[in-house]
Every structure is written in C-alpha cells, then in structure tokens.
C-alpha cells in the first residue's frame, strides 16, 4: 500500500536522504568489506559483484541527492510550487530528468560495462523530418526496472522527446521518481486496477495532450515478465473466453499477453501519432531485487529494436477486435526478435532455478 503523498514527502524522503548520505560517507569502508567478502565468500565468477553493486548504488544515491536538491530549488523559485506546471518549468523538469538518467546511464556503463545498441530502419531526409513533426506512442515490452529507464533515457537524450510514462505507482517509493513523476504529465497505476476506467481516462487525457515533441510510453504487458505472471495471463484470457488469444500467448514465451485497454485508448486519443514498438534483450534476467546482485549482466551489449508504424498505417478506423489482433501480431514479432537476439548467457541465467 502506497503511503499518502504528504507522508512520502515528510517521512520517506528524509529517511532516504539520511540512508543515502550514510552509505555515501561509509562507501570506502563498505568497498573494502565488499571486496573481502567477494574474495573469500564467493565463486571466482562472482567475486566482484558486491563491489560493482556498491559502486552503482553510490552513483544512484548521489544522483538522487543532487536531483532532490535541484527539485527543491525549482519548487522555491517557482513561487513555492505556484508555477511548476507552466511551460518554462516543465522544460526545466525534463532537463532534470535527462541529467538524472544520464548519470545513471554513465554509472552503469562504468560499473557493469553495459552498452546499449538500438536498431532502427534507415530513413531518408524527408522521412526523418516528417517523423520529427509528429507525436509518438511508444509500446515497449517490460522485463524489469532497467528497461524503462533506458527507454526514457533514449527518448530524452537521443531523440529529444518529452516522454509521458504510464508506470506502476510503486515507483513513487523512490523520492526523486516520486517528485519528478508527479510534476510532469505521467500516469501512475496501481497494478491490481490496471483495467479500470479511471486509469484509462487518465491515459486518454495524457495522450490528447501530446504535441510534436511528445512521446507517450506504455508497457502493454502491465508488469515485468515472470513465469508465474505469464501463466496467469494465459489463464486470465481463458477465463474471459478468449481461447484464441490464450493460444497465441502460449506461443510467446518471452512476453506477457498485452492488455489492449490503455494502449488502444491512447492510440485513438491521439490520431496524429505514429506508433513505435520496442523490443530489447539482455535485461530479462532482472526479475527481483535479489536478481540485481545475482544476475545483473556484466560487460554485455543490451540490444534493442524499434519499429515505427506511421500514423496513416495504424488501424484506428478498424473495429476493436481487429485492433486487438493487430496488437497481438506485433507482440508475436517482438517475441520472435527476442528469441533470436537474447544473449546466450542471459538465456542460461533464465534457466537457473530461483533461490
């Protein structure tokens, strides 16, 4: 259960700041302990995992503290929050998000040696100009917390987009994500209420507000992939009488069945938007907090593939059933791409029994 916003601001945020400062100050001692523990307590392949995790934690917590300080300053100079939702302050907040994610991206490059390669179709000059003049709706598979951060980083830093993200409400336990997320036009969803109309209405409102620099990011699966969720998703379709979709979902072992409600609502609400489908492979093994230590990939290339469907080719005029089948067609393409491009060691880690 998520605490009220006032409790998060007055209790959770100061608590996180104190813990972050403590870890940063004690990080030299913790690094020595992590190194000793790694040398004497772990197998050779995992000896440095403690040190890598501590190093990235310090990067994250430092970025967290700096971001919270900047956000506090923006709140003060905006007239104690009075002008936060005006265009100049929205622009400043997107700059804060970009710098925060840039720090995390550089941090994971240095500590874990990760690199991201994004494959896109070649564009002519005219096509590139035309596509830069339209909003986009980005539909991505979801396989862990890292993929959403990398996706938003790519949209902000590489493509110059201003993303609006439909995300789980539990991210508000992180103070900087909480403050930034609620000052920008995002949608926070309680997982068990994913299909309810109140959240569909929020998604529709956010989609209607997209301009040519906007990007609405949705994860149609509704959560991170796990074997249990995959099986429950198939049973949910069978219980709803959609045995045809359940059969298709069984043939997509890398993905959860997509939930079309919010996705199709967003597409209808912004008729000028292109639709981008995103697949990625390499972060699939991060299914829990423990997996950050046990399975986080080291010195690996995270591959991603982006397909762009121009607005005129999106079946907005089709009936609901045809749109659902269109979404499943794309999900099958993404599943096949993941099977062909997932790193071999990631496949092996997925096959490991859970502790």
Protein backbone atom coordinates (compact mmCIF):
# COMPACT_ATOMS: atom_id res chain seq x y z
CA UNK A 1 0.00 0.00 0.00
CA UNK A 2 1.47 3.34 -1.08
CA UNK A 3 1.57 5.97 1.70
CA UNK A 4 -0.13 9.34 1.05
CA UNK A 5 1.95 11.97 -0.71
CA UNK A 6 2.35 14.08 2.45
CA UNK A 7 3.76 11.08 4.34
CA UNK A 8 6.15 10.31 1.48
CA UNK A 9 7.42 13.90 1.45
CA UNK A 10 7.74 14.36 5.22
CA UNK A 11 8.81 10.86 6.28
CA UNK A 12 10.05 8.71 3.40
CA UNK A 13 12.11 11.36 1.60
CA UNK A 14 14.11 12.48 4.71
CA UNK A 15 14.66 8.80 5.60
CA UNK A 16 16.06 8.06 2.14
CA UNK A 17 18.29 11.14 2.30
CA UNK A 18 19.75 10.05 5.65
CA UNK A 19 20.37 6.50 4.44
CA UNK A 20 21.89 7.76 1.17
CA UNK A 21 24.26 10.12 2.97
CA UNK A 22 25.27 7.34 5.35
CA UNK A 23 26.08 4.91 2.52
CA UNK A 24 28.00 7.56 0.56
CA UNK A 25 30.07 8.60 3.59
CA UNK A 26 30.78 4.99 4.55
CA UNK A 27 31.35 3.82 0.96
CA UNK A 28 35.18 3.47 1.29
CA UNK A 29 34.75 1.13 4.27
CA UNK A 30 31.87 -0.69 2.60
CA UNK A 31 34.02 -1.13 -0.52
CA UNK A 32 36.77 -2.82 1.50
CA UNK A 33 34.23 -5.11 3.17
CA UNK A 34 32.58 -5.90 -0.18
CA UNK A 35 35.94 -6.76 -1.71
CA UNK A 36 36.95 -9.00 1.20
CA UNK A 37 33.57 -10.73 1.20
CA UNK A 38 33.87 -11.25 -2.53
CA UNK A 39 37.38 -12.67 -2.27
CA UNK A 40 36.62 -15.15 0.49
CA UNK A 41 32.94 -15.90 0.19
CA UNK A 42 32.06 -16.24 -3.47
CA UNK A 43 32.97 -18.21 -6.55
CA UNK A 44 35.52 -16.65 -8.86
CA UNK A 45 32.90 -15.54 -11.42
CA UNK A 46 31.01 -13.51 -8.81
CA UNK A 47 33.82 -12.08 -6.73
CA UNK A 48 33.41 -8.50 -7.89
CA UNK A 49 29.60 -8.35 -7.88
CA UNK A 50 29.45 -6.83 -4.40
CA UNK A 51 31.87 -4.08 -5.36
CA UNK A 52 30.07 -3.36 -8.63
CA UNK A 53 26.72 -3.18 -6.86
CA UNK A 54 28.09 -0.84 -4.18
CA UNK A 55 29.69 1.40 -6.81
CA UNK A 56 26.46 1.70 -8.76
CA UNK A 57 24.48 2.26 -5.54
CA UNK A 58 26.76 5.21 -4.73
CA UNK A 59 26.23 6.60 -8.24
CA UNK A 60 22.45 6.22 -7.89
CA UNK A 61 22.27 7.72 -4.40
CA UNK A 62 24.48 10.66 -5.36
CA UNK A 63 22.25 11.33 -8.38
CA UNK A 64 19.23 11.01 -6.09
CA UNK A 65 20.52 13.60 -3.62
CA UNK A 66 21.56 16.08 -6.31
CA UNK A 67 18.22 15.69 -8.09
CA UNK A 68 16.20 16.21 -4.91
CA UNK A 69 18.21 19.36 -4.14
CA UNK A 70 17.57 20.74 -7.64
CA UNK A 71 13.87 19.87 -7.41
CA UNK A 72 13.62 21.67 -4.08
CA UNK A 73 15.25 24.73 -5.66
CA UNK A 74 12.79 24.67 -8.56
CA UNK A 75 9.89 24.46 -6.12
CA UNK A 76 11.15 27.53 -4.23
CA UNK A 77 11.89 29.71 -7.28
CA UNK A 78 8.54 28.75 -8.87
CA UNK A 79 6.79 30.58 -6.05
CA UNK A 80 6.70 27.55 -3.73
CA UNK A 81 5.10 25.42 -6.41
CA UNK A 82 2.77 28.01 -7.90
CA UNK A 83 4.28 27.91 -11.41
CA UNK A 84 5.50 24.31 -11.58
CA UNK A 85 3.06 23.34 -14.34
CA UNK A 86 3.85 26.26 -16.63
CA UNK A 87 5.81 25.57 -19.82
CA UNK A 88 9.18 27.02 -18.64
CA UNK A 89 9.15 24.88 -15.51
CA UNK A 90 8.03 21.77 -17.37
CA UNK A 91 11.03 22.26 -19.67
CA UNK A 92 13.34 22.62 -16.66
CA UNK A 93 11.95 19.46 -15.11
CA UNK A 94 12.53 17.45 -18.29
CA UNK A 95 16.12 18.71 -18.19
CA UNK A 96 16.41 17.43 -14.61
CA UNK A 97 15.06 14.01 -15.65
CA UNK A 98 17.54 13.87 -18.54
CA UNK A 99 20.52 14.69 -16.33
CA UNK A 100 19.39 12.19 -13.68
CA UNK A 101 19.13 9.39 -16.25
CA UNK A 102 22.40 10.45 -17.92
CA UNK A 103 24.18 9.99 -14.57
CA UNK A 104 22.63 6.56 -14.09
CA UNK A 105 23.45 5.53 -17.67
CA UNK A 106 27.09 6.59 -17.36
CA UNK A 107 27.22 4.88 -13.97
CA UNK A 108 26.02 1.53 -15.29
CA UNK A 109 28.48 1.83 -18.19
CA UNK A 110 31.40 2.33 -15.78
CA UNK A 111 30.41 -0.18 -13.09
CA UNK A 112 28.93 -3.00 -15.17
CA UNK A 113 30.39 -2.32 -18.59
CA UNK A 114 27.00 -2.32 -20.28
CA UNK A 115 26.37 -0.80 -23.68
CA UNK A 116 23.07 -0.25 -25.49
CA UNK A 117 22.67 -0.68 -29.25
CA UNK A 118 19.39 0.39 -30.84
CA UNK A 119 18.49 -0.89 -34.30
CA UNK A 120 16.19 1.30 -36.39
CA UNK A 121 15.29 1.26 -40.09
CA UNK A 122 17.19 3.64 -42.34
CA UNK A 123 15.34 6.90 -43.02
CA UNK A 124 15.61 9.34 -45.87
CA UNK A 125 15.98 13.05 -45.05
CA UNK A 126 12.31 13.74 -45.86
CA UNK A 127 11.13 10.80 -43.75
CA UNK A 128 13.21 11.94 -40.80
CA UNK A 129 11.82 15.49 -40.98
CA UNK A 130 8.25 14.20 -41.30
CA UNK A 131 8.62 11.91 -38.31
CA UNK A 132 10.11 14.62 -36.14
CA UNK A 133 6.96 16.66 -36.71
CA UNK A 134 4.57 14.09 -35.20
CA UNK A 135 3.94 12.83 -31.67
CA UNK A 136 4.65 9.18 -30.94
CA UNK A 137 3.10 6.46 -28.81
CA UNK A 138 5.78 4.02 -27.68
CA UNK A 139 4.70 0.46 -26.85
CA UNK A 140 7.51 -1.49 -25.19
CA UNK A 141 7.90 -4.94 -23.71
CA UNK A 142 8.62 -4.86 -19.98
CA UNK A 143 11.21 -7.16 -18.42
CA UNK A 144 12.48 -5.26 -15.38
CA UNK A 145 13.06 -1.77 -13.97
CA UNK A 146 16.15 -1.18 -16.07
CA UNK A 147 14.40 -1.33 -19.44
CA UNK A 148 12.02 1.54 -18.66
CA UNK A 149 14.87 3.80 -17.51
CA UNK A 150 16.93 3.01 -20.62
CA UNK A 151 13.92 3.65 -22.86
CA UNK A 152 13.12 7.04 -21.31
CA UNK A 153 16.83 7.95 -21.44
CA UNK A 154 16.91 7.13 -25.15
CA UNK A 155 13.82 9.24 -25.86
CA UNK A 156 15.15 12.24 -23.92
CA UNK A 157 18.86 12.23 -24.71
CA UNK A 158 18.98 10.78 -28.22
CA UNK A 159 15.66 11.76 -29.80
CA UNK A 160 14.91 14.97 -27.91
CA UNK A 161 11.41 13.80 -26.99
CA UNK A 162 9.44 14.73 -23.87
CA UNK A 163 8.14 11.39 -22.61
CA UNK A 164 4.96 10.86 -20.64
CA UNK A 165 5.08 7.46 -18.99
CA UNK A 166 2.36 5.10 -17.81
CA UNK A 167 4.06 3.39 -14.87
CA UNK A 168 3.43 1.48 -11.70
CA UNK A 169 2.56 3.53 -8.63
CA UNK A 170 5.19 1.71 -6.53
CA UNK A 171 7.92 3.75 -8.26
CA UNK A 172 6.80 6.61 -6.04
CA UNK A 173 8.64 4.93 -3.15
CA UNK A 174 11.76 6.42 -4.78
CA UNK A 175 11.70 10.13 -3.74
CA UNK A 176 13.20 11.62 -6.90
CA UNK A 177 10.99 9.49 -9.16
CA UNK A 178 8.03 10.46 -6.97
CA UNK A 179 8.61 14.21 -7.22
CA UNK A 180 9.64 14.29 -10.88
CA UNK A 181 6.92 11.87 -11.92
CA UNK A 182 4.13 13.87 -10.29
CA UNK A 183 5.32 17.24 -11.58
CA UNK A 184 5.26 16.02 -15.18
CA UNK A 185 2.25 14.62 -17.10
CA UNK A 186 2.67 10.94 -16.25
CA UNK A 187 0.17 8.29 -15.14
CA UNK A 188 0.76 6.15 -12.05
CA UNK A 189 -1.23 2.91 -11.99
CA UNK A 190 -1.95 0.52 -9.15
CA UNK A 191 -1.23 -2.90 -10.63
CA UNK A 192 -4.43 -4.60 -9.50
CA UNK A 193 -6.54 -1.80 -11.02
CA UNK A 194 -4.84 -1.82 -14.42
CA UNK A 195 -8.01 -2.28 -16.41
CA UNK A 196 -10.23 0.16 -14.55
CA UNK A 197 -11.76 3.10 -16.39
CA UNK A 198 -10.25 5.72 -14.07
CA UNK A 199 -6.77 4.91 -15.37
CA UNK A 200 -7.96 4.57 -18.95
CA UNK A 201 -9.37 8.08 -18.62
CA UNK A 202 -6.03 9.36 -17.34
CA UNK A 203 -4.20 7.72 -20.24
CA UNK A 204 -6.66 9.27 -22.69
CA UNK A 205 -6.15 12.73 -21.19
CA UNK A 206 -2.36 12.46 -21.31
CA UNK A 207 -2.45 11.15 -24.90
CA UNK A 208 -4.66 14.04 -26.04
CA UNK A 209 -2.09 16.49 -24.76
CA UNK A 210 0.78 15.19 -26.90
CA UNK A 211 2.46 17.67 -29.21
CA UNK A 212 5.08 17.09 -31.92
CA UNK A 213 7.85 16.63 -29.34
CA UNK A 214 5.76 14.35 -27.11
CA UNK A 215 6.09 10.62 -26.57
CA UNK A 216 3.63 8.56 -24.56
CA UNK A 217 5.32 5.42 -23.19
CA UNK A 218 3.12 2.43 -22.37
CA UNK A 219 4.07 -1.10 -21.31
CA UNK A 220 1.07 -3.12 -22.55
CA UNK A 221 2.05 -6.20 -20.53
CA UNK A 222 1.20 -4.29 -17.35
CA UNK A 223 4.19 -5.58 -15.38
CA UNK A 224 7.55 -7.31 -15.51
CA UNK A 225 7.69 -10.75 -17.10
CA UNK A 226 7.88 -13.70 -14.73
CA UNK A 227 6.91 -17.32 -15.38
CA UNK A 228 4.02 -17.06 -12.91
CA UNK A 229 2.62 -13.90 -14.48
CA UNK A 230 2.93 -15.46 -17.93
CA UNK A 231 0.86 -18.47 -16.86
CA UNK A 232 -1.68 -16.28 -15.03
CA UNK A 233 -2.04 -14.08 -18.11
CA UNK A 234 -2.94 -17.12 -20.22
CA UNK A 235 -5.44 -18.32 -17.61
CA UNK A 236 -6.97 -14.82 -17.48
CA UNK A 237 -7.60 -14.92 -21.24
CA UNK A 238 -9.12 -18.40 -21.00
CA UNK A 239 -11.40 -17.30 -18.16
CA UNK A 240 -12.54 -14.36 -20.31
CA UNK A 241 -13.49 -16.75 -23.11
CA UNK A 242 -10.56 -15.69 -25.34
CA UNK A 243 -9.06 -19.10 -26.01
CA UNK A 244 -7.80 -17.85 -29.37
CA UNK A 245 -5.69 -15.16 -27.69
CA UNK A 246 -4.62 -17.60 -24.97
CA UNK A 247 -3.32 -19.96 -27.67
CA UNK A 248 -1.36 -17.11 -29.25
CA UNK A 249 0.02 -16.10 -25.84
CA UNK A 250 1.34 -19.65 -25.27
CA UNK A 251 3.41 -19.27 -28.40
CA UNK A 252 5.05 -16.11 -26.97
CA UNK A 253 7.17 -17.44 -24.08
CA UNK A 254 9.19 -14.21 -23.77
CA UNK A 255 6.25 -11.86 -23.22
CA UNK A 256 3.12 -11.45 -21.14
CA UNK A 257 -0.12 -11.18 -23.11
CA UNK A 258 -0.68 -7.49 -23.92
CA UNK A 259 -3.57 -5.68 -22.24
CA UNK A 260 -5.21 -3.66 -25.02
CA UNK A 261 -7.36 -1.25 -22.94
CA UNK A 262 -4.99 1.62 -22.22
CA UNK A 263 -2.98 1.03 -25.40
CA UNK A 264 -5.90 1.30 -27.82
CA UNK A 265 -7.35 4.22 -25.84
CA UNK A 266 -4.11 6.16 -26.24
CA UNK A 267 -3.90 5.39 -29.96
CA UNK A 268 -7.48 6.61 -30.50
CA UNK A 269 -6.95 9.74 -28.39
CA UNK A 270 -4.01 10.99 -30.49
CA UNK A 271 -4.85 10.35 -34.16
CA UNK A 272 -1.74 12.14 -35.46
CA UNK A 273 0.71 9.97 -33.50
CA UNK A 274 2.97 7.36 -35.02
CA UNK A 275 3.24 4.14 -33.02
CA UNK A 276 6.65 2.76 -32.07
CA UNK A 277 7.09 -0.84 -30.93
CA UNK A 278 10.18 -1.59 -28.84
CA UNK A 279 11.87 -4.93 -28.20
CA UNK A 280 15.05 -5.39 -26.18
CA UNK A 281 17.12 -8.30 -24.95
CA UNK A 282 19.67 -8.59 -22.18
CA UNK A 283 17.89 -7.32 -19.07
CA UNK A 284 15.35 -10.15 -18.98
CA UNK A 285 17.07 -11.82 -16.02
CA UNK A 286 16.31 -8.98 -13.57
CA UNK A 287 13.02 -10.14 -12.11
CA UNK A 288 13.56 -9.22 -8.43
CA UNK A 289 15.75 -7.11 -6.14
CA UNK A 290 17.92 -10.18 -5.46
CA UNK A 291 18.50 -10.56 -9.21
CA UNK A 292 20.22 -7.16 -9.31
CA UNK A 293 23.08 -8.80 -7.42
CA UNK A 294 22.83 -12.37 -8.72
CA UNK A 295 22.05 -11.86 -12.39
CA UNK A 296 22.82 -8.29 -13.48
CA UNK A 297 24.75 -8.69 -16.76
CA UNK A 298 28.40 -7.62 -16.88
CA UNK A 299 30.29 -6.36 -19.97
CA UNK A 300 27.28 -7.06 -22.14
CA UNK A 301 25.61 -5.31 -25.06
CA UNK A 302 21.91 -4.65 -24.47
CA UNK A 303 20.29 -4.81 -27.87
CA UNK A 304 17.06 -3.06 -28.77
CA UNK A 305 14.93 -2.95 -31.89
CA UNK A 306 12.49 -0.12 -32.68
CA UNK A 307 9.76 -0.44 -35.33
CA UNK A 308 7.86 2.69 -36.31
CA UNK A 309 4.33 2.50 -37.74
CA UNK A 310 3.35 5.81 -39.42
CA UNK A 311 0.08 7.26 -38.20
CA UNK A 312 -1.63 6.55 -41.54
CA UNK A 313 -0.87 2.82 -41.22
CA UNK A 314 -2.21 2.44 -37.66
CA UNK A 315 -5.65 0.72 -37.89
CA UNK A 316 -7.57 3.38 -35.97
CA UNK A 317 -10.63 3.02 -38.19
CA UNK A 318 -10.81 -0.75 -37.66
CA UNK A 319 -13.13 -2.32 -35.10
CA UNK A 320 -11.88 -3.24 -31.62
CA UNK A 321 -11.29 -6.92 -32.44
CA UNK A 322 -9.16 -6.08 -35.47
CA UNK A 323 -7.08 -3.69 -33.38
CA UNK A 324 -6.54 -6.36 -30.71
CA UNK A 325 -5.39 -8.82 -33.37
CA UNK A 326 -3.05 -6.15 -34.80
CA UNK A 327 -1.51 -5.65 -31.36
CA UNK A 328 -1.00 -9.40 -30.94
CA UNK A 329 0.59 -9.57 -34.42
CA UNK A 330 3.18 -7.05 -33.30
CA UNK A 331 3.69 -8.83 -29.99
CA UNK A 332 4.47 -12.04 -31.88
CA UNK A 333 7.05 -10.17 -33.95
CA UNK A 334 8.66 -8.78 -30.78
CA UNK A 335 8.71 -12.26 -29.18
CA UNK A 336 10.43 -13.74 -32.22
CA UNK A 337 13.03 -10.95 -32.22
CA UNK A 338 13.80 -11.56 -28.53
CA UNK A 339 14.29 -15.29 -29.16
CA UNK A 340 16.73 -14.51 -31.96
CA UNK A 341 18.67 -11.76 -30.17
CA UNK A 342 18.79 -12.63 -26.46
CA UNK A 343 22.41 -13.15 -25.36
CA UNK A 344 23.29 -16.78 -24.75
CA UNK A 345 24.35 -16.14 -21.15
CA UNK A 346 21.04 -14.39 -20.46
CA UNK A 347 19.18 -17.46 -21.69
CA UNK A 348 21.29 -19.60 -19.38
CA UNK A 349 20.60 -17.31 -16.41
CA UNK A 350 16.85 -17.50 -17.06
CA UNK A 351 17.10 -21.28 -16.92
CA UNK A 352 18.73 -21.19 -13.49
CA UNK A 353 16.49 -22.27 -10.60
CA UNK A 354 15.31 -19.44 -8.37
CA UNK A 355 16.88 -19.30 -4.91
